[in-house]
Amino acid sequence: MKKLLRKKQFEKHYHQRILPNKKLDKQFEERLSLFVRGKRGYPLNDHELTGKLKGKRAFSITPDIRVVYQETTAAIIFLDIGAHTQVYK
């Protein structure tokens, strides 16, 4: 199992965008549990990103909320979380 790390930007946006909404926070915890167990298909819809985010991946919390991350040989690093328009700018 690789280490899960959270960048400062992820933590900031998690506290601003996700934590105030208890339902959204619960959905994040449920999806994180699936992710940690190695699930990548539905409902996470894990996918590779393109363009300026090439080399990174994302998975869904809701149809609009995404977690952007990068995987290295030693760790999975959560980079950002938020609505599609917030994280794919």
N, C-alpha and C. Protein backbone atom coordinates (compact mmCIF):
# COMPACT_ATOMS: atom_id res chain seq x y z
N MET A 1 0.85 -1.19 0.00
CA MET A 1 0.00 0.00 0.00
C MET A 1 0.88 1.24 0.00
N LYS A 2 0.62 2.11 -0.95
CA LYS A 2 1.37 3.37 -1.04
C LYS A 2 0.87 4.35 0.00
N LYS A 3 1.76 5.26 0.38
CA LYS A 3 1.39 6.33 1.31
C LYS A 3 0.42 7.28 0.62
N LEU A 4 -0.54 7.80 1.38
CA LEU A 4 -1.44 8.85 0.89
C LEU A 4 -0.98 10.17 1.49
N LEU A 5 -0.64 11.10 0.61
CA LEU A 5 -0.20 12.42 1.06
C LEU A 5 -1.18 13.47 0.53
N ARG A 6 -1.30 14.56 1.26
CA ARG A 6 -2.19 15.66 0.86
C ARG A 6 -1.39 16.95 0.80
N LYS A 7 -1.37 17.56 -0.39
CA LYS A 7 -0.69 18.85 -0.55
C LYS A 7 -1.46 19.93 0.21
N LYS A 8 -0.77 21.02 0.50
CA LYS A 8 -1.37 22.14 1.24
C LYS A 8 -2.61 22.68 0.51
N GLN A 9 -2.53 22.78 -0.81
CA GLN A 9 -3.67 23.28 -1.60
C GLN A 9 -4.88 22.36 -1.45
N PHE A 10 -4.64 21.06 -1.47
CA PHE A 10 -5.74 20.10 -1.27
C PHE A 10 -6.39 20.33 0.09
N GLU A 11 -5.59 20.42 1.13
CA GLU A 11 -6.12 20.62 2.48
C GLU A 11 -6.93 21.92 2.57
N LYS A 12 -6.41 22.98 1.99
CA LYS A 12 -7.10 24.28 2.02
C LYS A 12 -8.45 24.18 1.32
N HIS A 13 -8.47 23.61 0.11
CA HIS A 13 -9.71 23.50 -0.65
C HIS A 13 -10.68 22.50 -0.02
N TYR A 14 -10.16 21.45 0.59
CA TYR A 14 -11.02 20.49 1.29
C TYR A 14 -11.77 21.20 2.42
N HIS A 15 -11.05 22.00 3.20
CA HIS A 15 -11.69 22.70 4.32
C HIS A 15 -12.66 23.78 3.85
N GLN A 16 -12.38 24.40 2.71
CA GLN A 16 -13.25 25.45 2.19
C GLN A 16 -14.47 24.89 1.45
N ARG A 17 -14.25 23.89 0.62
CA ARG A 17 -15.26 23.43 -0.34
C ARG A 17 -16.03 22.19 0.11
N ILE A 18 -15.44 21.31 0.88
CA ILE A 18 -16.05 20.02 1.19
C ILE A 18 -16.52 19.94 2.63
N LEU A 19 -15.67 20.24 3.56
CA LEU A 19 -15.96 20.06 4.98
C LEU A 19 -17.22 20.79 5.47
N PRO A 20 -17.51 22.01 5.01
CA PRO A 20 -18.73 22.69 5.48
C PRO A 20 -20.03 21.95 5.11
N ASN A 21 -19.98 21.11 4.08
CA ASN A 21 -21.17 20.37 3.64
C ASN A 21 -21.04 18.94 4.14
N LYS A 22 -21.77 18.59 5.21
CA LYS A 22 -21.64 17.27 5.84
C LYS A 22 -21.93 16.13 4.87
N LYS A 23 -22.91 16.31 3.98
CA LYS A 23 -23.24 15.27 3.02
C LYS A 23 -22.07 15.04 2.06
N LEU A 24 -21.48 16.13 1.60
CA LEU A 24 -20.34 16.04 0.69
C LEU A 24 -19.12 15.43 1.39
N ASP A 25 -18.92 15.80 2.65
CA ASP A 25 -17.82 15.24 3.42
C ASP A 25 -17.99 13.73 3.58
N LYS A 26 -19.22 13.29 3.83
CA LYS A 26 -19.49 11.85 3.97
C LYS A 26 -19.23 11.13 2.64
N GLN A 27 -19.66 11.74 1.53
CA GLN A 27 -19.41 11.15 0.21
C GLN A 27 -17.91 11.03 -0.05
N PHE A 28 -17.15 12.06 0.34
CA PHE A 28 -15.70 12.01 0.16
C PHE A 28 -15.12 10.84 0.93
N GLU A 29 -15.52 10.67 2.18
CA GLU A 29 -15.00 9.58 3.00
C GLU A 29 -15.34 8.22 2.39
N GLU A 30 -16.56 8.07 1.87
CA GLU A 30 -16.96 6.81 1.23
C GLU A 30 -16.12 6.52 -0.01
N ARG A 31 -15.93 7.55 -0.84
CA ARG A 31 -15.15 7.36 -2.07
C ARG A 31 -13.67 7.15 -1.76
N LEU A 32 -13.18 7.82 -0.74
CA LEU A 32 -11.79 7.63 -0.34
C LEU A 32 -11.57 6.18 0.11
N SER A 33 -12.52 5.63 0.82
CA SER A 33 -12.43 4.24 1.25
C SER A 33 -12.35 3.29 0.05
N LEU A 34 -13.18 3.54 -0.97
CA LEU A 34 -13.14 2.73 -2.18
C LEU A 34 -11.78 2.87 -2.88
N PHE A 35 -11.30 4.10 -2.97
CA PHE A 35 -10.03 4.38 -3.63
C PHE A 35 -8.88 3.65 -2.94
N VAL A 36 -8.84 3.72 -1.62
CA VAL A 36 -7.78 3.08 -0.85
C VAL A 36 -7.81 1.56 -1.03
N ARG A 37 -9.01 1.01 -1.21
CA ARG A 37 -9.14 -0.44 -1.42
C ARG A 37 -8.82 -0.85 -2.86
N GLY A 38 -8.47 0.11 -3.71
CA GLY A 38 -8.04 -0.21 -5.07
C GLY A 38 -9.12 -0.14 -6.13
N LYS A 39 -10.31 0.30 -5.77
CA LYS A 39 -11.38 0.46 -6.76
C LYS A 39 -11.05 1.66 -7.64
N ARG A 40 -11.30 1.52 -8.92
CA ARG A 40 -11.03 2.64 -9.84
C ARG A 40 -12.19 2.88 -10.81
N GLY A 41 -13.08 1.92 -10.97
CA GLY A 41 -14.23 2.07 -11.87
C GLY A 41 -15.36 2.83 -11.21
N TYR A 42 -16.59 2.52 -11.62
CA TYR A 42 -17.77 3.16 -11.06
C TYR A 42 -17.84 2.88 -9.57
N PRO A 43 -18.15 3.82 -8.72
CA PRO A 43 -18.57 5.21 -8.96
C PRO A 43 -17.41 6.21 -8.99
N LEU A 44 -16.17 5.75 -8.85
CA LEU A 44 -15.04 6.69 -8.84
C LEU A 44 -14.72 7.25 -10.21
N ASN A 45 -14.91 6.45 -11.24
CA ASN A 45 -14.60 6.89 -12.61
C ASN A 45 -13.22 7.51 -12.70
N ASP A 46 -12.24 6.85 -12.11
CA ASP A 46 -10.85 7.29 -12.13
C ASP A 46 -10.37 7.41 -13.58
N HIS A 47 -9.70 8.51 -13.89
CA HIS A 47 -9.24 8.70 -15.26
C HIS A 47 -7.97 9.55 -15.31
N GLU A 48 -7.23 9.35 -16.39
CA GLU A 48 -6.02 10.11 -16.66
C GLU A 48 -6.42 11.48 -17.20
N LEU A 49 -5.66 12.49 -16.82
CA LEU A 49 -5.94 13.85 -17.29
C LEU A 49 -5.05 14.21 -18.48
N THR A 50 -5.50 15.20 -19.22
CA THR A 50 -4.77 15.65 -20.40
C THR A 50 -4.46 17.14 -20.28
N GLY A 51 -3.86 17.68 -21.31
CA GLY A 51 -3.55 19.11 -21.34
C GLY A 51 -2.51 19.47 -20.30
N LYS A 52 -2.72 20.60 -19.63
CA LYS A 52 -1.72 21.04 -18.66
C LYS A 52 -1.68 20.17 -17.41
N LEU A 53 -2.67 19.31 -17.23
CA LEU A 53 -2.68 18.38 -16.10
C LEU A 53 -2.23 16.97 -16.50
N LYS A 54 -1.64 16.87 -17.67
CA LYS A 54 -1.14 15.58 -18.16
C LYS A 54 -0.18 14.98 -17.14
N GLY A 55 -0.29 13.69 -16.92
CA GLY A 55 0.53 13.02 -15.92
C GLY A 55 -0.14 12.90 -14.57
N LYS A 56 -1.29 13.54 -14.45
CA LYS A 56 -2.06 13.46 -13.21
C LYS A 56 -3.35 12.69 -13.49
N ARG A 57 -4.04 12.32 -12.43
CA ARG A 57 -5.29 11.56 -12.55
C ARG A 57 -6.34 12.23 -11.69
N ALA A 58 -7.60 11.83 -11.86
CA ALA A 58 -8.69 12.35 -11.05
C ALA A 58 -9.72 11.26 -10.83
N PHE A 59 -10.46 11.38 -9.72
CA PHE A 59 -11.61 10.51 -9.50
C PHE A 59 -12.75 11.35 -8.96
N SER A 60 -13.97 10.83 -9.12
CA SER A 60 -15.18 11.58 -8.79
C SER A 60 -15.65 11.33 -7.37
N ILE A 61 -16.10 12.39 -6.73
CA ILE A 61 -16.80 12.30 -5.45
C ILE A 61 -18.30 12.38 -5.73
N THR A 62 -18.69 13.30 -6.59
CA THR A 62 -20.06 13.44 -7.10
C THR A 62 -19.91 13.63 -8.61
N PRO A 63 -21.01 13.76 -9.34
CA PRO A 63 -20.86 14.01 -10.77
C PRO A 63 -20.03 15.27 -11.10
N ASP A 64 -19.96 16.24 -10.17
CA ASP A 64 -19.21 17.46 -10.45
C ASP A 64 -17.95 17.64 -9.59
N ILE A 65 -17.85 16.97 -8.46
CA ILE A 65 -16.71 17.15 -7.56
C ILE A 65 -15.63 16.12 -7.86
N ARG A 66 -14.37 16.60 -8.03
CA ARG A 66 -13.25 15.74 -8.37
C ARG A 66 -12.10 15.87 -7.37
N VAL A 67 -11.34 14.79 -7.24
CA VAL A 67 -10.07 14.80 -6.53
C VAL A 67 -9.00 14.61 -7.60
N VAL A 68 -8.07 15.56 -7.69
CA VAL A 68 -6.96 15.46 -8.62
C VAL A 68 -5.76 14.96 -7.82
N TYR A 69 -5.10 13.94 -8.37
CA TYR A 69 -3.96 13.36 -7.66
C TYR A 69 -2.86 12.96 -8.63
N GLN A 70 -1.70 12.69 -8.04
CA GLN A 70 -0.55 12.22 -8.80
C GLN A 70 -0.01 11.00 -8.09
N GLU A 71 0.35 10.00 -8.86
CA GLU A 71 0.87 8.76 -8.28
C GLU A 71 2.36 8.63 -8.60
N THR A 72 3.14 8.37 -7.57
CA THR A 72 4.57 8.10 -7.74
C THR A 72 4.81 6.65 -7.34
N THR A 73 6.03 6.22 -7.42
CA THR A 73 6.34 4.84 -7.04
C THR A 73 6.12 4.62 -5.55
N ALA A 74 6.27 5.66 -4.74
CA ALA A 74 6.17 5.52 -3.29
C ALA A 74 4.87 6.04 -2.68
N ALA A 75 4.15 6.92 -3.39
CA ALA A 75 3.00 7.57 -2.76
C ALA A 75 1.94 7.99 -3.78
N ILE A 76 0.76 8.24 -3.24
CA ILE A 76 -0.32 8.88 -3.98
C ILE A 76 -0.51 10.24 -3.32
N ILE A 77 -0.40 11.28 -4.12
CA ILE A 77 -0.42 12.64 -3.59
C ILE A 77 -1.69 13.35 -4.08
N PHE A 78 -2.57 13.69 -3.13
CA PHE A 78 -3.77 14.44 -3.46
C PHE A 78 -3.38 15.90 -3.65
N LEU A 79 -3.70 16.43 -4.84
CA LEU A 79 -3.28 17.79 -5.21
C LEU A 79 -4.38 18.83 -5.03
N ASP A 80 -5.62 18.47 -5.39
CA ASP A 80 -6.72 19.44 -5.34
C ASP A 80 -8.04 18.71 -5.25
N ILE A 81 -9.05 19.41 -4.78
CA ILE A 81 -10.40 18.89 -4.70
C ILE A 81 -11.37 20.03 -4.95
N GLY A 82 -12.43 19.76 -5.68
CA GLY A 82 -13.43 20.79 -5.93
C GLY A 82 -14.26 20.48 -7.15
N ALA A 83 -15.08 21.43 -7.53
CA ALA A 83 -15.94 21.29 -8.70
C ALA A 83 -15.07 21.21 -9.97
N HIS A 84 -15.64 20.65 -10.97
CA HIS A 84 -14.95 20.48 -12.27
C HIS A 84 -14.32 21.78 -12.72
N THR A 85 -15.06 22.87 -12.65
CA THR A 85 -14.55 24.17 -13.10
C THR A 85 -13.45 24.72 -12.17
N GLN A 86 -13.40 24.26 -10.93
CA GLN A 86 -12.39 24.75 -9.99
C GLN A 86 -11.05 24.03 -10.15
N VAL A 87 -11.08 22.73 -10.39
CA VAL A 87 -9.83 21.98 -10.42
C VAL A 87 -9.23 21.82 -11.81
N TYR A 88 -10.03 22.02 -12.86
CA TYR A 88 -9.53 21.88 -14.22
C TYR A 88 -9.35 23.22 -14.91
N LYS A 89 -8.77 24.20 -14.20
CA LYS A 89 -8.59 25.51 -14.82
C LYS A 89 -7.24 25.66 -15.42
